[in-house]
Amino acid sequence: MDFGPYAPFIAGSYGFAALVLGALILNGWRDGRAQRRALAELQDDRGGRP
């Protein structure tokens, strides 16, 4: 496949999209951990009831 003069733009676009998707995945993973911690803290405050 030959993209000609557009190859740098296409490669850069794919790279940027991969970077954004990676950041979204990382942010979701970190937020999930924080939410689980907050939920565990709230459950402990209520006496351990689920």
PDB file of N, CA and C in Angstrom:
ATOM      1  N   MET A   1       0.838  -1.163   0.000  1.00  0.00           N
ATOM      2  CA  MET A   1       0.000   0.000   0.000  1.00  0.00           C
ATOM      3  C   MET A   1       0.892   1.238   0.000  1.00  0.00           C
ATOM      4  N   ASP A   2       0.660   2.117  -0.917  1.00  0.00           N
ATOM      5  CA  ASP A   2       1.454   3.337  -1.021  1.00  0.00           C
ATOM      6  C   ASP A   2       0.546   4.538  -0.769  1.00  0.00           C
ATOM      7  N   PHE A   3       0.842   5.266   0.281  1.00  0.00           N
ATOM      8  CA  PHE A   3       0.036   6.435   0.623  1.00  0.00           C
ATOM      9  C   PHE A   3       0.610   7.714   0.029  1.00  0.00           C
ATOM     10  N   GLY A   4       1.745   7.595  -0.574  1.00  0.00           N
ATOM     11  CA  GLY A   4       2.351   8.740  -1.230  1.00  0.00           C
ATOM     12  C   GLY A   4       2.713   9.835  -0.254  1.00  0.00           C
ATOM     13  N   PRO A   5       2.431  11.075  -0.628  1.00  0.00           N
ATOM     14  CA  PRO A   5       2.830  12.198   0.226  1.00  0.00           C
ATOM     15  C   PRO A   5       1.981  12.317   1.503  1.00  0.00           C
ATOM     16  N   TYR A   6       0.914  11.525   1.596  1.00  0.00           N
ATOM     17  CA  TYR A   6       0.034  11.613   2.761  1.00  0.00           C
ATOM     18  C   TYR A   6       0.434  10.658   3.885  1.00  0.00           C
ATOM     19  N   ALA A   7       1.454   9.853   3.681  1.00  0.00           N
ATOM     20  CA  ALA A   7       1.863   8.855   4.665  1.00  0.00           C
ATOM     21  C   ALA A   7       2.167   9.456   6.043  1.00  0.00           C
ATOM     22  N   PRO A   8       2.912  10.555   6.149  1.00  0.00           N
ATOM     23  CA  PRO A   8       3.167  11.112   7.488  1.00  0.00           C
ATOM     24  C   PRO A   8       1.888  11.559   8.197  1.00  0.00           C
ATOM     25  N   PHE A   9       0.965  12.137   7.443  1.00  0.00           N
ATOM     26  CA  PHE A   9      -0.293  12.575   8.040  1.00  0.00           C
ATOM     27  C   PHE A   9      -1.098  11.380   8.526  1.00  0.00           C
ATOM     28  N   ILE A  10      -1.179  10.329   7.732  1.00  0.00           N
ATOM     29  CA  ILE A  10      -1.940   9.140   8.103  1.00  0.00           C
ATOM     30  C   ILE A  10      -1.301   8.460   9.315  1.00  0.00           C
ATOM     31  N   ALA A  11       0.011   8.289   9.302  1.00  0.00           N
ATOM     32  CA  ALA A  11       0.696   7.660  10.427  1.00  0.00           C
ATOM     33  C   ALA A  11       0.541   8.500  11.698  1.00  0.00           C
ATOM     34  N   GLY A  12       0.661   9.796  11.565  1.00  0.00           N
ATOM     35  CA  GLY A  12       0.477  10.677  12.719  1.00  0.00           C
ATOM     36  C   GLY A  12      -0.939  10.620  13.270  1.00  0.00           C
ATOM     37  N   SER A  13      -1.912  10.528  12.379  1.00  0.00           N
ATOM     38  CA  SER A  13      -3.305  10.436  12.818  1.00  0.00           C
ATOM     39  C   SER A  13      -3.554   9.144  13.583  1.00  0.00           C
ATOM     40  N   TYR A  14      -3.032   8.039  13.071  1.00  0.00           N
ATOM     41  CA  TYR A  14      -3.180   6.764  13.768  1.00  0.00           C
ATOM     42  C   TYR A  14      -2.454   6.799  15.114  1.00  0.00           C
ATOM     43  N   GLY A  15      -1.289   7.389  15.150  1.00  0.00           N
ATOM     44  CA  GLY A  15      -0.544   7.497  16.403  1.00  0.00           C
ATOM     45  C   GLY A  15      -1.282   8.341  17.429  1.00  0.00           C
ATOM     46  N   PHE A  16      -1.819   9.459  16.986  1.00  0.00           N
ATOM     47  CA  PHE A  16      -2.570  10.326  17.895  1.00  0.00           C
ATOM     48  C   PHE A  16      -3.823   9.622  18.405  1.00  0.00           C
ATOM     49  N   ALA A  17      -4.531   8.920  17.522  1.00  0.00           N
ATOM     50  CA  ALA A  17      -5.727   8.183  17.938  1.00  0.00           C
ATOM     51  C   ALA A  17      -5.361   7.106  18.963  1.00  0.00           C
ATOM     52  N   ALA A  18      -4.257   6.407  18.758  1.00  0.00           N
ATOM     53  CA  ALA A  18      -3.823   5.387  19.714  1.00  0.00           C
ATOM     54  C   ALA A  18      -3.473   6.029  21.054  1.00  0.00           C
ATOM     55  N   LEU A  19      -2.843   7.181  21.031  1.00  0.00           N
ATOM     56  CA  LEU A  19      -2.495   7.893  22.257  1.00  0.00           C
ATOM     57  C   LEU A  19      -3.752   8.315  23.019  1.00  0.00           C
ATOM     58  N   VAL A  20      -4.730   8.847  22.316  1.00  0.00           N
ATOM     59  CA  VAL A  20      -5.974   9.272  22.958  1.00  0.00           C
ATOM     60  C   VAL A  20      -6.715   8.070  23.536  1.00  0.00           C
ATOM     61  N   LEU A  21      -6.803   6.984  22.785  1.00  0.00           N
ATOM     62  CA  LEU A  21      -7.483   5.791  23.295  1.00  0.00           C
ATOM     63  C   LEU A  21      -6.763   5.236  24.515  1.00  0.00           C
ATOM     64  N   GLY A  22      -5.460   5.227  24.482  1.00  0.00           N
ATOM     65  CA  GLY A  22      -4.691   4.766  25.640  1.00  0.00           C
ATOM     66  C   GLY A  22      -4.950   5.638  26.862  1.00  0.00           C
ATOM     67  N   ALA A  23      -5.011   6.939  26.663  1.00  0.00           N
ATOM     68  CA  ALA A  23      -5.279   7.861  27.773  1.00  0.00           C
ATOM     69  C   ALA A  23      -6.682   7.636  28.335  1.00  0.00           C
ATOM     70  N   LEU A  24      -7.652   7.396  27.469  1.00  0.00           N
ATOM     71  CA  LEU A  24      -9.018   7.130  27.932  1.00  0.00           C
ATOM     72  C   LEU A  24      -9.091   5.832  28.729  1.00  0.00           C
ATOM     73  N   ILE A  25      -8.402   4.822  28.259  1.00  0.00           N
ATOM     74  CA  ILE A  25      -8.392   3.539  28.979  1.00  0.00           C
ATOM     75  C   ILE A  25      -7.729   3.711  30.341  1.00  0.00           C
ATOM     76  N   LEU A  26      -6.595   4.396  30.377  1.00  0.00           N
ATOM     77  CA  LEU A  26      -5.896   4.630  31.638  1.00  0.00           C
ATOM     78  C   LEU A  26      -6.757   5.441  32.599  1.00  0.00           C
ATOM     79  N   ASN A  27      -7.413   6.464  32.100  1.00  0.00           N
ATOM     80  CA  ASN A  27      -8.266   7.293  32.943  1.00  0.00           C
ATOM     81  C   ASN A  27      -9.443   6.484  33.492  1.00  0.00           C
ATOM     82  N   GLY A  28     -10.049   5.641  32.675  1.00  0.00           N
ATOM     83  CA  GLY A  28     -11.146   4.800  33.133  1.00  0.00           C
ATOM     84  C   GLY A  28     -10.697   3.806  34.188  1.00  0.00           C
ATOM     85  N   TRP A  29      -9.520   3.236  33.996  1.00  0.00           N
ATOM     86  CA  TRP A  29      -8.991   2.268  34.955  1.00  0.00           C
ATOM     87  C   TRP A  29      -8.706   2.953  36.298  1.00  0.00           C
ATOM     88  N   ARG A  30      -8.071   4.118  36.240  1.00  0.00           N
ATOM     89  CA  ARG A  30      -7.760   4.846  37.477  1.00  0.00           C
ATOM     90  C   ARG A  30      -9.034   5.310  38.181  1.00  0.00           C
ATOM     91  N   ASP A  31     -10.031   5.776  37.427  1.00  0.00           N
ATOM     92  CA  ASP A  31     -11.275   6.225  38.027  1.00  0.00           C
ATOM     93  C   ASP A  31     -12.024   5.048  38.656  1.00  0.00           C
ATOM     94  N   GLY A  32     -11.989   3.899  37.999  1.00  0.00           N
ATOM     95  CA  GLY A  32     -12.633   2.719  38.557  1.00  0.00           C
ATOM     96  C   GLY A  32     -12.033   2.327  39.894  1.00  0.00           C
ATOM     97  N   ARG A  33     -10.712   2.384  39.987  1.00  0.00           N
ATOM     98  CA  ARG A  33     -10.046   2.074  41.253  1.00  0.00           C
ATOM     99  C   ARG A  33     -10.438   3.077  42.334  1.00  0.00           C
ATOM    100  N   ALA A  34     -10.516   4.351  41.962  1.00  0.00           N
ATOM    101  CA  ALA A  34     -10.886   5.382  42.931  1.00  0.00           C
ATOM    102  C   ALA A  34     -12.334   5.201  43.394  1.00  0.00           C
ATOM    103  N   GLN A  35     -13.217   4.832  42.477  1.00  0.00           N
ATOM    104  CA  GLN A  35     -14.617   4.627  42.842  1.00  0.00           C
ATOM    105  C   GLN A  35     -14.771   3.422  43.766  1.00  0.00           C
ATOM    106  N   ARG A  36     -14.025   2.349  43.496  1.00  0.00           N
ATOM    107  CA  ARG A  36     -14.079   1.171  44.375  1.00  0.00           C
ATOM    108  C   ARG A  36     -13.574   1.518  45.777  1.00  0.00           C
ATOM    109  N   ARG A  37     -12.505   2.311  45.840  1.00  0.00           N
ATOM    110  CA  ARG A  37     -11.979   2.750  47.137  1.00  0.00           C
ATOM    111  C   ARG A  37     -12.999   3.606  47.883  1.00  0.00           C
ATOM    112  N   ALA A  38     -13.638   4.530  47.177  1.00  0.00           N
ATOM    113  CA  ALA A  38     -14.640   5.395  47.804  1.00  0.00           C
ATOM    114  C   ALA A  38     -15.838   4.572  48.279  1.00  0.00           C
ATOM    115  N   LEU A  39     -16.257   3.599  47.501  1.00  0.00           N
ATOM    116  CA  LEU A  39     -17.372   2.747  47.895  1.00  0.00           C
ATOM    117  C   LEU A  39     -17.016   1.930  49.128  1.00  0.00           C
ATOM    118  N   ALA A  40     -15.808   1.379  49.163  1.00  0.00           N
ATOM    119  CA  ALA A  40     -15.385   0.606  50.329  1.00  0.00           C
ATOM    120  C   ALA A  40     -15.340   1.494  51.570  1.00  0.00           C
ATOM    121  N   GLU A  41     -14.896   2.727  51.412  1.00  0.00           N
ATOM    122  CA  GLU A  41     -14.853   3.656  52.535  1.00  0.00           C
ATOM    123  C   GLU A  41     -16.257   3.984  53.027  1.00  0.00           C
ATOM    124  N   LEU A  42     -17.186   4.190  52.112  1.00  0.00           N
ATOM    125  CA  LEU A  42     -18.571   4.472  52.506  1.00  0.00           C
ATOM    126  C   LEU A  42     -19.200   3.266  53.186  1.00  0.00           C
ATOM    127  N   GLN A  43     -18.912   2.078  52.698  1.00  0.00           N
ATOM    128  CA  GLN A  43     -19.469   0.875  53.314  1.00  0.00           C
ATOM    129  C   GLN A  43     -18.903   0.679  54.712  1.00  0.00           C
ATOM    130  N   ASP A  44     -17.637   1.000  54.918  1.00  0.00           N
ATOM    131  CA  ASP A  44     -17.045   0.895  56.242  1.00  0.00           C
ATOM    132  C   ASP A  44     -17.690   1.901  57.204  1.00  0.00           C
ATOM    133  N   ASP A  45     -18.027   3.081  56.696  1.00  0.00           N
ATOM    134  CA  ASP A  45     -18.665   4.090  57.531  1.00  0.00           C
ATOM    135  C   ASP A  45     -20.056   3.652  57.988  1.00  0.00           C
ATOM    136  N   ARG A  46     -20.708   2.812  57.179  1.00  0.00           N
ATOM    137  CA  ARG A  46     -22.057   2.348  57.509  1.00  0.00           C
ATOM    138  C   ARG A  46     -22.034   1.090  58.361  1.00  0.00           C
ATOM    139  N   GLY A  47     -20.898   0.628  58.752  1.00  0.00           N
ATOM    140  CA  GLY A  47     -20.818  -0.546  59.590  1.00  0.00           C
ATOM    141  C   GLY A  47     -20.620  -1.824  58.809  1.00  0.00           C
ATOM    142  N   GLY A  48     -20.193  -1.725  57.569  1.00  0.00           N
ATOM    143  CA  GLY A  48     -19.897  -2.911  56.780  1.00  0.00           C
ATOM    144  C   GLY A  48     -21.092  -3.518  56.074  1.00  0.00           C
ATOM    145  N   ARG A  49     -22.249  -2.874  56.125  1.00  0.00           N
ATOM    146  CA  ARG A  49     -23.412  -3.408  55.405  1.00  0.00           C
ATOM    147  C   ARG A  49     -23.221  -3.235  53.918  1.00  0.00           C
ATOM    148  N   PRO A  50     -23.606  -4.249  53.136  1.00  0.00           N
ATOM    149  CA  PRO A  50     -23.481  -4.115  51.673  1.00  0.00           C
ATOM    150  C   PRO A  50     -24.494  -3.166  51.078  1.00  0.00           C
TER     151      PRO A  50
END
